[in-house]
Amino acid sequence: MLTTAIVSPVVAIRQDSFDAAQTEQSVLCVEVGKEHLRFAYLNEQQRVTGLEDFSFPSLLTERSLADNLPAIFQDHPVLSAGPWQQVLVTVNSPAFTLVPQSLFRKEYASSYMTLMRGTPLPPHEYAHSFAHTDEQIVSVFNVEHRLANYLAGVYPLQNITFVHQTSALIRASAALEKRLVSTQNLLLYFEDEFVTIILRSNHALRFCNRFGFKNPQDLTYYILYVIEELRLEPYSVNILLYGEITPFADTYAQLSEFLPHMSFGQVPHGLRFNGDFDDLPEHRYLSLYGLCLLSE
């Protein structure tokens, strides 16, 4: 069995004055994926007061998500605290679909997933949904039974909300537009050899999808293909970069040859941060920040 000494945070911003007695007025936001676990927590003033990022050893990335969590949750001063006002959990998986709210039927959630994947969900997973009322869409995605059961055991009788990572990014992109002059913005979120592409035009969500890539050339092809299909002009479209990308990355160098109007994005409107976050790149944790915004 893993111990907490094996899985330690690669990023840790935590107040020395964290008070477990104040969790009933605070929201815990947890992002779970094959490669990592990240979490942040915010107080009743929408101020993010802590953030931690754990990367799992490569030998553990094929295990069930629930198998990797006890090594981090056990005895963790924040994750083992509670009860919380709300617990929000992002599932970071490639399997999801978006259904117009007017056409969505909860009893068909598994069928939507089967249609998207091409195969039925395995017995250890179930279809879950989350409604974006403002966008008039419903996100449908898969959740492991063991993951849901584990978190229900850690936070018994508490309000736990599951969303897909794209839902957090959609919420973040809506908040970002409040600070942008351009009425047409393409957001690229990079993580674990995946890129999520979101287009917002005149404040409306026009496109959201996720692509896997193995090299910068594949990445460039997918992005240019999407831009062409959306009838955008690659030399003028406003592009915001988020996630695991830096100005020194090969992916950035390749994309900059075709997309001159790229910039690294800022923190979305609606959140406040302590001074401890000043050294953290603003573009790095957009999906986690978007999850925090879903608590509003």
Protein backbone atom coordinates (compact mmCIF):
# COMPACT_ATOMS: atom_id res chain seq x y z
CA MET A 1 0.00 0.00 0.00
CA LEU A 2 1.12 3.55 -0.75
CA THR A 3 2.12 5.86 2.05
CA THR A 4 1.77 9.60 2.20
CA ALA A 5 5.57 9.87 2.01
CA ILE A 6 5.54 8.47 -1.56
CA VAL A 7 2.94 10.86 -2.96
CA SER A 8 3.92 14.38 -1.97
CA PRO A 9 2.75 17.67 -3.52
CA VAL A 10 4.71 19.25 -6.35
CA VAL A 11 2.98 22.54 -5.50
CA ALA A 12 1.68 23.41 -2.05
CA ILE A 13 0.18 26.72 -0.98
CA ARG A 14 -1.37 26.38 2.44
CA GLN A 15 -2.05 28.87 5.17
CA ASP A 16 -0.29 28.12 8.44
CA SER A 17 -3.45 29.33 10.11
CA PHE A 18 -5.74 26.76 8.43
CA ASP A 19 -8.57 26.21 10.89
CA ALA A 20 -10.47 22.95 10.48
CA ALA A 21 -13.28 24.45 12.55
CA GLN A 22 -14.03 26.91 9.72
CA THR A 23 -14.70 24.32 7.01
CA GLU A 24 -18.48 24.63 7.34
CA GLN A 25 -18.14 28.11 5.81
CA SER A 26 -15.64 26.95 3.14
CA VAL A 27 -15.78 25.05 -0.15
CA LEU A 28 -13.39 22.22 -1.05
CA CYS A 29 -12.62 21.78 -4.77
CA VAL A 30 -10.90 18.54 -5.82
CA GLU A 31 -9.71 17.55 -9.29
CA VAL A 32 -9.02 13.84 -9.82
CA GLY A 33 -7.28 12.27 -12.83
CA LYS A 34 -5.07 9.34 -13.77
CA GLU A 35 -1.92 11.47 -13.57
CA HIS A 36 -2.63 13.69 -10.61
CA LEU A 37 -4.83 14.99 -7.84
CA ARG A 38 -5.24 18.72 -7.24
CA PHE A 39 -7.35 20.61 -4.79
CA ALA A 40 -8.08 24.13 -3.64
CA TYR A 41 -10.31 25.56 -0.95
CA LEU A 42 -11.97 28.93 -0.67
CA ASN A 43 -13.68 30.80 2.11
CA GLU A 44 -17.07 32.52 2.19
CA GLN A 45 -15.57 35.66 0.59
CA GLN A 46 -14.64 33.61 -2.54
CA ARG A 47 -10.97 33.93 -1.60
CA VAL A 48 -8.85 30.92 -2.53
CA THR A 49 -6.74 30.30 0.55
CA GLY A 50 -4.91 27.10 -0.40
CA LEU A 51 -3.93 24.91 -3.34
CA GLU A 52 -2.00 21.66 -3.65
CA ASP A 53 -0.99 19.59 -6.67
CA PHE A 54 0.01 15.90 -6.43
CA SER A 55 1.48 13.87 -9.30
CA PHE A 56 1.16 10.10 -9.18
CA PRO A 57 4.18 7.89 -9.99
CA SER A 58 3.93 6.47 -13.53
CA LEU A 59 3.44 2.92 -12.23
CA LEU A 60 0.21 3.99 -10.55
CA THR A 61 -1.51 5.79 -13.42
CA GLU A 62 -3.30 2.64 -14.66
CA ARG A 63 -4.89 1.93 -11.29
CA SER A 64 -8.41 2.86 -10.30
CA LEU A 65 -8.65 6.49 -9.24
CA ALA A 66 -9.92 5.37 -5.84
CA ASP A 67 -6.78 3.29 -5.26
CA ASN A 68 -4.52 6.33 -5.41
CA LEU A 69 -6.48 8.60 -3.09
CA PRO A 70 -5.94 7.08 0.38
CA ALA A 71 -2.20 7.81 0.22
CA ILE A 72 -3.03 11.52 -0.02
CA PHE A 73 -6.28 11.83 1.95
CA GLN A 74 -5.19 9.87 5.00
CA ASP A 75 -4.14 12.24 7.78
CA HIS A 76 -4.03 15.24 5.40
CA PRO A 77 -4.92 18.30 7.51
CA VAL A 78 -7.16 19.78 4.82
CA LEU A 79 -8.56 16.81 2.90
CA SER A 80 -9.42 14.93 6.07
CA ALA A 81 -11.14 17.97 7.59
CA GLY A 82 -14.83 18.70 7.49
CA PRO A 83 -17.71 18.90 7.25
CA TRP A 84 -17.46 21.40 4.39
CA GLN A 85 -20.12 23.76 3.14
CA GLN A 86 -19.75 22.05 -0.22
CA VAL A 87 -17.41 19.55 -1.89
CA LEU A 88 -16.90 19.94 -5.64
CA VAL A 89 -15.12 17.16 -7.53
CA THR A 90 -13.81 17.35 -11.08
CA VAL A 91 -13.40 14.09 -12.97
CA ASN A 92 -10.55 14.47 -15.47
CA SER A 93 -11.27 11.83 -18.13
CA PRO A 94 -11.43 11.74 -21.94
CA ALA A 95 -15.02 10.42 -21.97
CA PHE A 96 -17.69 13.15 -22.00
CA THR A 97 -20.34 14.64 -24.23
CA LEU A 98 -22.46 17.80 -24.24
CA VAL A 99 -26.20 17.54 -24.88
CA PRO A 100 -28.58 20.47 -25.54
CA GLN A 101 -30.62 20.97 -22.38
CA SER A 102 -33.89 20.86 -24.31
CA LEU A 103 -33.07 17.37 -25.62
CA PHE A 104 -31.50 15.89 -22.50
CA ARG A 105 -33.25 13.06 -20.68
CA LYS A 106 -31.64 11.80 -17.48
CA GLU A 107 -32.78 8.21 -18.08
CA TYR A 108 -30.79 8.17 -21.33
CA ALA A 109 -27.48 9.31 -19.79
CA SER A 110 -25.85 5.89 -20.28
CA SER A 111 -27.05 5.80 -23.88
CA TYR A 112 -25.41 9.17 -24.60
CA MET A 113 -22.13 7.80 -23.26
CA THR A 114 -22.45 4.60 -25.28
CA LEU A 115 -23.06 6.61 -28.44
CA MET A 116 -20.04 8.81 -27.74
CA ARG A 117 -17.64 5.98 -26.80
CA GLY A 118 -18.89 3.40 -29.28
CA THR A 119 -19.17 0.82 -26.47
CA PRO A 120 -21.29 0.50 -23.33
CA LEU A 121 -19.90 1.76 -20.04
CA PRO A 122 -18.02 -0.94 -18.11
CA PRO A 123 -19.70 -2.26 -14.94
CA HIS A 124 -17.35 -0.30 -12.65
CA GLU A 125 -18.52 3.06 -14.07
CA TYR A 126 -21.80 4.93 -14.31
CA ALA A 127 -23.02 7.91 -16.32
CA HIS A 128 -23.35 11.20 -14.47
CA SER A 129 -24.67 14.56 -15.64
CA PHE A 130 -24.23 18.21 -14.77
CA ALA A 131 -26.45 21.00 -16.13
CA HIS A 132 -25.01 24.30 -17.37
CA THR A 133 -28.23 26.28 -17.17
CA ASP A 134 -26.71 29.52 -18.46
CA GLU A 135 -25.26 27.71 -21.48
CA GLN A 136 -28.41 25.58 -21.99
CA ILE A 137 -26.37 22.38 -22.21
CA VAL A 138 -25.88 19.30 -20.04
CA SER A 139 -22.52 17.62 -19.60
CA VAL A 140 -22.62 13.80 -19.48
CA PHE A 141 -19.54 11.87 -18.34
CA ASN A 142 -18.39 8.68 -16.64
CA VAL A 143 -17.61 8.27 -12.94
CA GLU A 144 -16.07 5.24 -11.25
CA HIS A 145 -18.33 3.69 -8.61
CA ARG A 146 -15.34 3.18 -6.31
CA LEU A 147 -14.33 6.84 -6.59
CA ALA A 148 -17.82 8.05 -5.68
CA ASN A 149 -18.06 5.54 -2.83
CA TYR A 150 -14.64 6.47 -1.46
CA LEU A 151 -15.41 10.20 -1.38
CA ALA A 152 -18.83 9.54 0.13
CA GLY A 153 -17.03 7.68 2.91
CA VAL A 154 -14.54 10.51 3.48
CA TYR A 155 -17.30 13.17 3.48
CA PRO A 156 -20.40 11.37 4.80
CA LEU A 157 -23.76 13.14 4.60
CA GLN A 158 -22.18 16.10 2.80
CA ASN A 159 -23.10 17.81 -0.44
CA ILE A 160 -20.72 16.34 -3.06
CA THR A 161 -21.08 17.58 -6.65
CA PHE A 162 -19.32 15.76 -9.50
CA VAL A 163 -18.50 17.58 -12.75
CA HIS A 164 -16.31 16.82 -15.74
CA GLN A 165 -13.15 18.87 -16.23
CA THR A 166 -14.64 20.50 -19.32
CA SER A 167 -17.49 21.85 -17.18
CA ALA A 168 -14.97 23.66 -14.99
CA LEU A 169 -13.25 25.05 -18.09
CA ILE A 170 -16.56 26.16 -19.61
CA ARG A 171 -17.41 28.03 -16.39
CA ALA A 172 -13.93 29.59 -16.30
CA SER A 173 -14.17 30.69 -19.94
CA ALA A 174 -17.44 32.51 -19.23
CA ALA A 175 -15.80 34.37 -16.35
CA LEU A 176 -12.75 35.21 -18.45
CA GLU A 177 -14.83 36.98 -21.07
CA LYS A 178 -15.75 39.65 -18.55
CA ARG A 179 -12.17 40.95 -18.80
CA LEU A 180 -11.65 40.54 -22.56
CA VAL A 181 -12.15 43.15 -25.26
CA SER A 182 -12.40 40.64 -28.10
CA THR A 183 -15.88 39.18 -28.72
CA GLN A 184 -14.43 35.99 -30.19
CA ASN A 185 -11.96 34.04 -28.07
CA LEU A 186 -10.40 30.61 -28.50
CA LEU A 187 -9.17 29.01 -25.29
CA LEU A 188 -6.59 26.21 -25.32
CA TYR A 189 -6.04 24.20 -22.14
CA PHE A 190 -3.07 21.79 -22.16
CA GLU A 191 -2.63 18.79 -19.92
CA ASP A 192 -1.18 15.25 -20.08
CA GLU A 193 -0.89 15.13 -23.89
CA PHE A 194 -4.42 16.45 -24.26
CA VAL A 195 -5.69 19.83 -25.35
CA THR A 196 -9.19 21.12 -24.62
CA ILE A 197 -10.41 23.70 -27.15
CA ILE A 198 -13.21 26.11 -26.26
CA LEU A 199 -14.58 28.85 -28.48
CA ARG A 200 -16.75 31.63 -27.09
CA SER A 201 -18.29 34.07 -29.55
CA ASN A 202 -20.31 37.08 -28.37
CA HIS A 203 -20.40 35.52 -24.89
CA ALA A 204 -21.94 32.26 -26.16
CA LEU A 205 -20.28 28.85 -26.09
CA ARG A 206 -19.76 27.77 -29.70
CA PHE A 207 -17.36 24.83 -29.43
CA CYS A 208 -15.89 22.55 -26.78
CA ASN A 209 -13.90 19.39 -27.42
CA ARG A 210 -10.80 17.58 -26.26
CA PHE A 211 -8.05 16.05 -28.42
CA GLY A 212 -5.13 13.77 -27.61
CA PHE A 213 -1.75 14.43 -29.24
CA LYS A 214 1.73 12.88 -29.17
CA ASN A 215 3.84 15.64 -30.71
CA PRO A 216 3.65 19.37 -31.56
CA GLN A 217 2.91 18.61 -35.20
CA ASP A 218 -0.23 16.62 -34.34
CA LEU A 219 -1.31 19.32 -31.94
CA THR A 220 -0.91 22.04 -34.55
CA TYR A 221 -2.87 20.01 -37.09
CA TYR A 222 -5.83 19.49 -34.73
CA ILE A 223 -5.99 23.13 -33.70
CA LEU A 224 -5.73 24.46 -37.26
CA TYR A 225 -8.37 21.96 -38.35
CA VAL A 226 -10.76 23.19 -35.65
CA ILE A 227 -10.07 26.82 -36.57
CA GLU A 228 -10.84 26.06 -40.21
CA GLU A 229 -14.04 24.18 -39.36
CA LEU A 230 -15.18 27.07 -37.17
CA ARG A 231 -14.45 29.46 -40.05
CA LEU A 232 -12.01 31.51 -38.04
CA GLU A 233 -8.96 33.33 -39.37
CA PRO A 234 -5.80 31.82 -37.81
CA TYR A 235 -3.82 35.04 -38.21
CA SER A 236 -6.37 37.18 -36.38
CA VAL A 237 -8.22 34.98 -33.87
CA ASN A 238 -7.56 35.80 -30.22
CA ILE A 239 -6.10 32.72 -28.50
CA LEU A 240 -5.62 32.25 -24.76
CA LEU A 241 -3.21 29.59 -23.48
CA TYR A 242 -3.75 27.75 -20.20
CA GLY A 243 -2.51 24.68 -18.38
CA GLU A 244 0.75 22.83 -18.91
CA ILE A 245 2.44 25.08 -21.45
CA THR A 246 5.24 27.66 -21.22
CA PRO A 247 6.89 30.09 -23.68
CA PHE A 248 9.81 27.62 -23.88
CA ALA A 249 7.75 24.55 -24.80
CA ASP A 250 8.06 22.93 -28.24
CA THR A 251 4.29 23.07 -28.55
CA TYR A 252 4.35 26.84 -28.08
CA ALA A 253 7.12 27.30 -30.68
CA GLN A 254 5.22 25.20 -33.22
CA LEU A 255 1.89 26.95 -32.68
CA SER A 256 3.38 30.43 -32.78
CA GLU A 257 4.38 29.88 -36.43
CA PHE A 258 0.71 29.72 -37.41
CA LEU A 259 -1.10 31.59 -34.64
CA PRO A 260 0.49 35.00 -34.01
CA HIS A 261 -2.17 36.28 -31.59
CA MET A 262 -1.52 33.90 -28.71
CA SER A 263 -1.17 35.03 -25.11
CA PHE A 264 -1.05 33.37 -21.72
CA GLY A 265 -4.32 33.83 -19.92
CA GLN A 266 -5.06 35.41 -16.58
CA VAL A 267 -7.04 34.24 -13.58
CA PRO A 268 -10.80 34.31 -14.30
CA HIS A 269 -12.98 37.06 -12.87
CA GLY A 270 -14.76 36.25 -9.62
CA LEU A 271 -11.98 34.80 -7.45
CA ARG A 272 -9.58 36.43 -5.03
CA PHE A 273 -6.25 35.10 -3.83
CA ASN A 274 -3.85 35.48 -0.96
CA GLY A 275 -0.39 36.89 -1.58
CA ASP A 276 1.05 33.37 -1.47
CA PHE A 277 -0.29 32.86 -5.00
CA ASP A 278 1.75 35.72 -6.50
CA ASP A 279 4.53 33.40 -7.70
CA LEU A 280 2.15 30.90 -9.29
CA PRO A 281 1.64 31.36 -13.09
CA GLU A 282 -1.89 32.67 -13.57
CA HIS A 283 -2.58 30.38 -16.53
CA ARG A 284 -1.54 27.14 -14.81
CA TYR A 285 -4.63 25.94 -12.90
CA LEU A 286 -7.59 27.21 -14.89
CA SER A 287 -9.68 24.03 -14.53
CA LEU A 288 -9.28 24.11 -10.76
CA TYR A 289 -10.21 27.80 -10.67
CA GLY A 290 -13.22 27.10 -12.87
CA LEU A 291 -14.31 24.44 -10.41
CA CYS A 292 -14.07 26.99 -7.60
CA LEU A 293 -16.34 29.32 -9.60
CA LEU A 294 -19.00 26.61 -9.80
CA SER A 295 -19.52 27.13 -6.07
CA GLU A 296 -21.12 30.52 -6.66
